[in-house]
Amino acid sequence: MCLAIPMQITHIDGSNAHCVAKGVGRDVSLFLLEDEALDVGDYVLIHVGYVIQKISPAEALSTWELLDQMLDEDPVSA
């Protein structure tokens, strides 16, 4: 199973970007979406250090809500 994390672009430097989510920052590669128009403030999905898809703010929020719910689940009662 693959997991991609939604993050927001805060800085772009050529084919690399700095993204943040929940207070955690990462430097990531834009190589896989080099033909996509990406700007500071855009939300993207990150997988193993690469931006793999641009998403809407609503999609990012919805994904984080689901991830938060999974983390809040009690594994004993699940």
PDB file of N, CA and C in Angstrom:
ATOM      1  N   MET A   1       0.844  -1.182   0.000  1.00  0.00           N
ATOM      2  CA  MET A   1       0.000   0.000   0.000  1.00  0.00           C
ATOM      3  C   MET A   1       0.882   1.235   0.000  1.00  0.00           C
ATOM      4  N   CYS A   2       0.528   2.201  -0.797  1.00  0.00           N
ATOM      5  CA  CYS A   2       1.258   3.464  -0.856  1.00  0.00           C
ATOM      6  C   CYS A   2       0.461   4.538  -0.128  1.00  0.00           C
ATOM      7  N   LEU A   3       1.171   5.453   0.485  1.00  0.00           N
ATOM      8  CA  LEU A   3       0.516   6.536   1.200  1.00  0.00           C
ATOM      9  C   LEU A   3       1.136   7.858   0.762  1.00  0.00           C
ATOM     10  N   ALA A   4       0.308   8.775   0.331  1.00  0.00           N
ATOM     11  CA  ALA A   4       0.763  10.113  -0.036  1.00  0.00           C
ATOM     12  C   ALA A   4       0.198  11.093   0.979  1.00  0.00           C
ATOM     13  N   ILE A   5       1.014  12.048   1.361  1.00  0.00           N
ATOM     14  CA  ILE A   5       0.643  13.011   2.393  1.00  0.00           C
ATOM     15  C   ILE A   5       0.363  14.368   1.744  1.00  0.00           C
ATOM     16  N   PRO A   6      -0.773  14.983   2.058  1.00  0.00           N
ATOM     17  CA  PRO A   6      -1.047  16.322   1.529  1.00  0.00           C
ATOM     18  C   PRO A   6      -0.201  17.368   2.252  1.00  0.00           C
ATOM     19  N   MET A   7       0.405  18.252   1.480  1.00  0.00           N
ATOM     20  CA  MET A   7       1.213  19.336   2.031  1.00  0.00           C
ATOM     21  C   MET A   7       0.985  20.589   1.198  1.00  0.00           C
ATOM     22  N   GLN A   8       1.363  21.743   1.773  1.00  0.00           N
ATOM     23  CA  GLN A   8       1.219  23.016   1.070  1.00  0.00           C
ATOM     24  C   GLN A   8       2.599  23.536   0.693  1.00  0.00           C
ATOM     25  N   ILE A   9       2.736  23.989  -0.532  1.00  0.00           N
ATOM     26  CA  ILE A   9       4.007  24.533  -1.013  1.00  0.00           C
ATOM     27  C   ILE A   9       4.233  25.907  -0.384  1.00  0.00           C
ATOM     28  N   THR A  10       5.404  26.091   0.230  1.00  0.00           N
ATOM     29  CA  THR A  10       5.746  27.381   0.827  1.00  0.00           C
ATOM     30  C   THR A  10       6.864  28.097   0.081  1.00  0.00           C
ATOM     31  N   HIS A  11       7.634  27.344  -0.703  1.00  0.00           N
ATOM     32  CA  HIS A  11       8.753  27.945  -1.434  1.00  0.00           C
ATOM     33  C   HIS A  11       9.095  27.043  -2.608  1.00  0.00           C
ATOM     34  N   ILE A  12       9.358  27.648  -3.752  1.00  0.00           N
ATOM     35  CA  ILE A  12       9.776  26.887  -4.937  1.00  0.00           C
ATOM     36  C   ILE A  12      11.143  27.398  -5.375  1.00  0.00           C
ATOM     37  N   ASP A  13      12.050  26.442  -5.624  1.00  0.00           N
ATOM     38  CA  ASP A  13      13.406  26.760  -6.084  1.00  0.00           C
ATOM     39  C   ASP A  13      13.736  25.826  -7.231  1.00  0.00           C
ATOM     40  N   GLY A  14      13.432  26.251  -8.446  1.00  0.00           N
ATOM     41  CA  GLY A  14      13.681  25.407  -9.616  1.00  0.00           C
ATOM     42  C   GLY A  14      12.792  24.183  -9.615  1.00  0.00           C
ATOM     43  N   SER A  15      13.419  23.003  -9.583  1.00  0.00           N
ATOM     44  CA  SER A  15      12.653  21.759  -9.601  1.00  0.00           C
ATOM     45  C   SER A  15      12.458  21.172  -8.204  1.00  0.00           C
ATOM     46  N   ASN A  16      12.657  21.987  -7.175  1.00  0.00           N
ATOM     47  CA  ASN A  16      12.444  21.571  -5.798  1.00  0.00           C
ATOM     48  C   ASN A  16      11.505  22.549  -5.101  1.00  0.00           C
ATOM     49  N   ALA A  17      10.874  22.071  -4.055  1.00  0.00           N
ATOM     50  CA  ALA A  17       9.970  22.934  -3.289  1.00  0.00           C
ATOM     51  C   ALA A  17      10.082  22.586  -1.816  1.00  0.00           C
ATOM     52  N   HIS A  18       9.739  23.556  -0.984  1.00  0.00           N
ATOM     53  CA  HIS A  18       9.605  23.300   0.445  1.00  0.00           C
ATOM     54  C   HIS A  18       8.113  23.295   0.733  1.00  0.00           C
ATOM     55  N   CYS A  19       7.667  22.251   1.413  1.00  0.00           N
ATOM     56  CA  CYS A  19       6.244  22.093   1.729  1.00  0.00           C
ATOM     57  C   CYS A  19       6.068  21.893   3.225  1.00  0.00           C
ATOM     58  N   VAL A  20       4.893  22.251   3.730  1.00  0.00           N
ATOM     59  CA  VAL A  20       4.594  22.052   5.149  1.00  0.00           C
ATOM     60  C   VAL A  20       3.223  21.413   5.312  1.00  0.00           C
ATOM     61  N   ALA A  21       3.102  20.682   6.412  1.00  0.00           N
ATOM     62  CA  ALA A  21       1.824  20.109   6.828  1.00  0.00           C
ATOM     63  C   ALA A  21       1.903  19.863   8.317  1.00  0.00           C
ATOM     64  N   LYS A  22       0.917  20.388   9.040  1.00  0.00           N
ATOM     65  CA  LYS A  22       0.842  20.180  10.483  1.00  0.00           C
ATOM     66  C   LYS A  22       2.133  20.583  11.195  1.00  0.00           C
ATOM     67  N   GLY A  23       2.765  21.649  10.723  1.00  0.00           N
ATOM     68  CA  GLY A  23       3.974  22.164  11.361  1.00  0.00           C
ATOM     69  C   GLY A  23       5.260  21.458  10.973  1.00  0.00           C
ATOM     70  N   VAL A  24       5.179  20.480  10.103  1.00  0.00           N
ATOM     71  CA  VAL A  24       6.359  19.742   9.661  1.00  0.00           C
ATOM     72  C   VAL A  24       6.687  20.145   8.234  1.00  0.00           C
ATOM     73  N   GLY A  25       7.946  20.508   7.996  1.00  0.00           N
ATOM     74  CA  GLY A  25       8.375  20.914   6.674  1.00  0.00           C
ATOM     75  C   GLY A  25       9.235  19.863   6.003  1.00  0.00           C
ATOM     76  N   ARG A  26       9.164  19.801   4.692  1.00  0.00           N
ATOM     77  CA  ARG A  26       9.961  18.863   3.905  1.00  0.00           C
ATOM     78  C   ARG A  26      10.377  19.535   2.609  1.00  0.00           C
ATOM     79  N   ASP A  27      11.589  19.224   2.169  1.00  0.00           N
ATOM     80  CA  ASP A  27      12.026  19.602   0.837  1.00  0.00           C
ATOM     81  C   ASP A  27      11.684  18.441  -0.091  1.00  0.00           C
ATOM     82  N   VAL A  28      11.032  18.748  -1.205  1.00  0.00           N
ATOM     83  CA  VAL A  28      10.552  17.713  -2.110  1.00  0.00           C
ATOM     84  C   VAL A  28      10.900  18.067  -3.552  1.00  0.00           C
ATOM     85  N   SER A  29      10.870  17.057  -4.393  1.00  0.00           N
ATOM     86  CA  SER A  29      11.149  17.237  -5.814  1.00  0.00           C
ATOM     87  C   SER A  29       9.854  17.482  -6.591  1.00  0.00           C
ATOM     88  N   LEU A  30       9.921  18.400  -7.533  1.00  0.00           N
ATOM     89  CA  LEU A  30       8.795  18.684  -8.428  1.00  0.00           C
ATOM     90  C   LEU A  30       8.964  17.967  -9.771  1.00  0.00           C
ATOM     91  N   PHE A  31       9.984  17.131  -9.875  1.00  0.00           N
ATOM     92  CA  PHE A  31      10.356  16.491 -11.135  1.00  0.00           C
ATOM     93  C   PHE A  31       9.193  15.779 -11.826  1.00  0.00           C
ATOM     94  N   LEU A  32       8.387  15.065 -11.078  1.00  0.00           N
ATOM     95  CA  LEU A  32       7.307  14.287 -11.696  1.00  0.00           C
ATOM     96  C   LEU A  32       6.184  15.156 -12.253  1.00  0.00           C
ATOM     97  N   LEU A  33       6.103  16.393 -11.804  1.00  0.00           N
ATOM     98  CA  LEU A  33       5.060  17.303 -12.303  1.00  0.00           C
ATOM     99  C   LEU A  33       5.677  18.535 -12.965  1.00  0.00           C
ATOM    100  N   GLU A  34       6.802  18.344 -13.642  1.00  0.00           N
ATOM    101  CA  GLU A  34       7.503  19.492 -14.217  1.00  0.00           C
ATOM    102  C   GLU A  34       6.675  20.235 -15.263  1.00  0.00           C
ATOM    103  N   ASP A  35       5.684  19.600 -15.855  1.00  0.00           N
ATOM    104  CA  ASP A  35       4.828  20.269 -16.842  1.00  0.00           C
ATOM    105  C   ASP A  35       3.573  20.877 -16.220  1.00  0.00           C
ATOM    106  N   GLU A  36       3.383  20.692 -14.923  1.00  0.00           N
ATOM    107  CA  GLU A  36       2.212  21.220 -14.200  1.00  0.00           C
ATOM    108  C   GLU A  36       2.544  22.608 -13.642  1.00  0.00           C
ATOM    109  N   ALA A  37       1.594  23.518 -13.723  1.00  0.00           N
ATOM    110  CA  ALA A  37       1.778  24.856 -13.152  1.00  0.00           C
ATOM    111  C   ALA A  37       1.567  24.771 -11.642  1.00  0.00           C
ATOM    112  N   LEU A  38       2.639  24.873 -10.872  1.00  0.00           N
ATOM    113  CA  LEU A  38       2.570  24.838  -9.419  1.00  0.00           C
ATOM    114  C   LEU A  38       3.062  26.161  -8.865  1.00  0.00           C
ATOM    115  N   ASP A  39       2.372  26.664  -7.828  1.00  0.00           N
ATOM    116  CA  ASP A  39       2.711  27.941  -7.226  1.00  0.00           C
ATOM    117  C   ASP A  39       2.770  27.807  -5.710  1.00  0.00           C
ATOM    118  N   VAL A  40       3.440  28.766  -5.081  1.00  0.00           N
ATOM    119  CA  VAL A  40       3.439  28.837  -3.626  1.00  0.00           C
ATOM    120  C   VAL A  40       1.983  28.940  -3.169  1.00  0.00           C
ATOM    121  N   GLY A  41       1.635  28.164  -2.158  1.00  0.00           N
ATOM    122  CA  GLY A  41       0.267  28.136  -1.654  1.00  0.00           C
ATOM    123  C   GLY A  41      -0.537  26.955  -2.152  1.00  0.00           C
ATOM    124  N   ASP A  42      -0.094  26.317  -3.241  1.00  0.00           N
ATOM    125  CA  ASP A  42      -0.800  25.150  -3.764  1.00  0.00           C
ATOM    126  C   ASP A  42      -0.663  23.976  -2.807  1.00  0.00           C
ATOM    127  N   TYR A  43      -1.673  23.108  -2.818  1.00  0.00           N
ATOM    128  CA  TYR A  43      -1.636  21.864  -2.061  1.00  0.00           C
ATOM    129  C   TYR A  43      -1.286  20.732  -3.004  1.00  0.00           C
ATOM    130  N   VAL A  44      -0.425  19.856  -2.528  1.00  0.00           N
ATOM    131  CA  VAL A  44       0.052  18.749  -3.339  1.00  0.00           C
ATOM    132  C   VAL A  44       0.121  17.481  -2.493  1.00  0.00           C
ATOM    133  N   LEU A  45       0.165  16.342  -3.173  1.00  0.00           N
ATOM    134  CA  LEU A  45       0.382  15.071  -2.491  1.00  0.00           C
ATOM    135  C   LEU A  45       1.851  14.708  -2.625  1.00  0.00           C
ATOM    136  N   ILE A  46       2.460  14.318  -1.494  1.00  0.00           N
ATOM    137  CA  ILE A  46       3.872  13.969  -1.450  1.00  0.00           C
ATOM    138  C   ILE A  46       4.000  12.472  -1.185  1.00  0.00           C
ATOM    139  N   HIS A  47       4.822  11.806  -1.994  1.00  0.00           N
ATOM    140  CA  HIS A  47       5.116  10.393  -1.783  1.00  0.00           C
ATOM    141  C   HIS A  47       6.613  10.192  -1.976  1.00  0.00           C
ATOM    142  N   VAL A  48       7.258   9.666  -0.976  1.00  0.00           N
ATOM    143  CA  VAL A  48       8.707   9.402  -0.928  1.00  0.00           C
ATOM    144  C   VAL A  48       9.550  10.554  -1.497  1.00  0.00           C
ATOM    145  N   GLY A  49       9.195  11.771  -1.099  1.00  0.00           N
ATOM    146  CA  GLY A  49       9.991  12.932  -1.473  1.00  0.00           C
ATOM    147  C   GLY A  49       9.657  13.564  -2.806  1.00  0.00           C
ATOM    148  N   TYR A  50       8.609  13.089  -3.452  1.00  0.00           N
ATOM    149  CA  TYR A  50       8.201  13.632  -4.748  1.00  0.00           C
ATOM    150  C   TYR A  50       6.767  14.142  -4.686  1.00  0.00           C
ATOM    151  N   VAL A  51       6.531  15.269  -5.346  1.00  0.00           N
ATOM    152  CA  VAL A  51       5.156  15.741  -5.545  1.00  0.00           C
ATOM    153  C   VAL A  51       4.574  14.874  -6.644  1.00  0.00           C
ATOM    154  N   ILE A  52       3.441  14.207  -6.350  1.00  0.00           N
ATOM    155  CA  ILE A  52       2.856  13.318  -7.356  1.00  0.00           C
ATOM    156  C   ILE A  52       1.531  13.836  -7.912  1.00  0.00           C
ATOM    157  N   GLN A  53       0.923  14.828  -7.235  1.00  0.00           N
ATOM    158  CA  GLN A  53      -0.360  15.334  -7.724  1.00  0.00           C
ATOM    159  C   GLN A  53      -0.687  16.656  -7.040  1.00  0.00           C
ATOM    160  N   LYS A  54      -1.263  17.577  -7.807  1.00  0.00           N
ATOM    161  CA  LYS A  54      -1.803  18.811  -7.238  1.00  0.00           C
ATOM    162  C   LYS A  54      -3.236  18.528  -6.816  1.00  0.00           C
ATOM    163  N   ILE A  55      -3.622  19.016  -5.621  1.00  0.00           N
ATOM    164  CA  ILE A  55      -4.971  18.789  -5.115  1.00  0.00           C
ATOM    165  C   ILE A  55      -5.562  20.114  -4.638  1.00  0.00           C
ATOM    166  N   SER A  56      -6.856  20.102  -4.421  1.00  0.00           N
ATOM    167  CA  SER A  56      -7.526  21.303  -3.935  1.00  0.00           C
ATOM    168  C   SER A  56      -7.341  21.430  -2.419  1.00  0.00           C
ATOM    169  N   PRO A  57      -7.505  22.641  -1.883  1.00  0.00           N
ATOM    170  CA  PRO A  57      -7.451  22.798  -0.422  1.00  0.00           C
ATOM    171  C   PRO A  57      -8.479  21.918   0.288  1.00  0.00           C
ATOM    172  N   ALA A  58      -9.655  21.754  -0.303  1.00  0.00           N
ATOM    173  CA  ALA A  58     -10.695  20.914   0.301  1.00  0.00           C
ATOM    174  C   ALA A  58     -10.257  19.450   0.355  1.00  0.00           C
ATOM    175  N   GLU A  59      -9.595  18.974  -0.696  1.00  0.00           N
ATOM    176  CA  GLU A  59      -9.102  17.594  -0.700  1.00  0.00           C
ATOM    177  C   GLU A  59      -8.019  17.399   0.356  1.00  0.00           C
ATOM    178  N   ALA A  60      -7.146  18.393   0.506  1.00  0.00           N
ATOM    179  CA  ALA A  60      -6.086  18.305   1.529  1.00  0.00           C
ATOM    180  C   ALA A  60      -6.709  18.245   2.914  1.00  0.00           C
ATOM    181  N   LEU A  61      -7.669  19.110   3.186  1.00  0.00           N
ATOM    182  CA  LEU A  61      -8.323  19.139   4.493  1.00  0.00           C
ATOM    183  C   LEU A  61      -9.053  17.825   4.769  1.00  0.00           C
ATOM    184  N   SER A  62      -9.778  17.329   3.794  1.00  0.00           N
ATOM    185  CA  SER A  62     -10.506  16.076   3.952  1.00  0.00           C
ATOM    186  C   SER A  62      -9.554  14.914   4.247  1.00  0.00           C
ATOM    187  N   THR A  63      -8.437  14.874   3.558  1.00  0.00           N
ATOM    188  CA  THR A  63      -7.451  13.812   3.784  1.00  0.00           C
ATOM    189  C   THR A  63      -6.875  13.904   5.184  1.00  0.00           C
ATOM    190  N   TRP A  64      -6.530  15.129   5.628  1.00  0.00           N
ATOM    191  CA  TRP A  64      -5.988  15.282   6.981  1.00  0.00           C
ATOM    192  C   TRP A  64      -7.016  14.902   8.039  1.00  0.00           C
ATOM    193  N   GLU A  65      -8.292  15.199   7.803  1.00  0.00           N
ATOM    194  CA  GLU A  65      -9.333  14.809   8.753  1.00  0.00           C
ATOM    195  C   GLU A  65      -9.402  13.283   8.874  1.00  0.00           C
ATOM    196  N   LEU A  66      -9.319  12.594   7.733  1.00  0.00           N
ATOM    197  CA  LEU A  66      -9.337  11.129   7.758  1.00  0.00           C
ATOM    198  C   LEU A  66      -8.105  10.558   8.455  1.00  0.00           C
ATOM    199  N   LEU A  67      -6.941  11.123   8.166  1.00  0.00           N
ATOM    200  CA  LEU A  67      -5.713  10.656   8.824  1.00  0.00           C
ATOM    201  C   LEU A  67      -5.772  10.898  10.326  1.00  0.00           C
ATOM    202  N   ASP A  68      -6.301  12.047  10.729  1.00  0.00           N
ATOM    203  CA  ASP A  68      -6.454  12.335  12.163  1.00  0.00           C
ATOM    204  C   ASP A  68      -7.398  11.332  12.827  1.00  0.00           C
ATOM    205  N   GLN A  69      -8.483  10.991  12.144  1.00  0.00           N
ATOM    206  CA  GLN A  69      -9.424  10.006  12.688  1.00  0.00           C
ATOM    207  C   GLN A  69      -8.747   8.653  12.870  1.00  0.00           C
ATOM    208  N   MET A  70      -7.928   8.256  11.903  1.00  0.00           N
ATOM    209  CA  MET A  70      -7.226   6.973  12.008  1.00  0.00           C
ATOM    210  C   MET A  70      -6.266   6.983  13.191  1.00  0.00           C
ATOM    211  N   LEU A  71      -5.592   8.094  13.408  1.00  0.00           N
ATOM    212  CA  LEU A  71      -4.651   8.186  14.522  1.00  0.00           C
ATOM    213  C   LEU A  71      -5.358   8.224  15.865  1.00  0.00           C
ATOM    214  N   ASP A  72      -6.585   8.740  15.885  1.00  0.00           N
ATOM    215  CA  ASP A  72      -7.347   8.832  17.130  1.00  0.00           C
ATOM    216  C   ASP A  72      -8.032   7.521  17.509  1.00  0.00           C
ATOM    217  N   GLU A  73      -8.114   6.574  16.562  1.00  0.00           N
ATOM    218  CA  GLU A  73      -8.783   5.304  16.837  1.00  0.00           C
ATOM    219  C   GLU A  73      -8.024   4.526  17.907  1.00  0.00           C
ATOM    220  N   ASP A  74      -8.765   3.909  18.777  1.00  0.00           N
ATOM    221  CA  ASP A  74      -8.202   3.031  19.797  1.00  0.00           C
ATOM    222  C   ASP A  74      -7.982   1.659  19.153  1.00  0.00           C
ATOM    223  N   PRO A  75      -6.729   1.215  18.998  1.00  0.00           N
ATOM    224  CA  PRO A  75      -6.473  -0.058  18.295  1.00  0.00           C
ATOM    225  C   PRO A  75      -7.065  -1.263  19.010  1.00  0.00           C
ATOM    226  N   VAL A  76      -7.325  -1.174  20.298  1.00  0.00           N
ATOM    227  CA  VAL A  76      -7.894  -2.297  21.041  1.00  0.00           C
ATOM    228  C   VAL A  76      -9.358  -2.490  20.679  1.00  0.00           C
ATOM    229  N   SER A  77     -10.077  -1.383  20.477  1.00  0.00           N
ATOM    230  CA  SER A  77     -11.510  -1.509  20.195  1.00  0.00           C
ATOM    231  C   SER A  77     -11.810  -1.582  18.702  1.00  0.00           C
ATOM    232  N   ALA A  78     -10.816  -1.356  17.869  1.00  0.00           N
ATOM    233  CA  ALA A  78     -11.067  -1.353  16.416  1.00  0.00           C
ATOM    234  C   ALA A  78     -11.149  -2.766  15.873  1.00  0.00           C
TER     235      ALA A  78
END
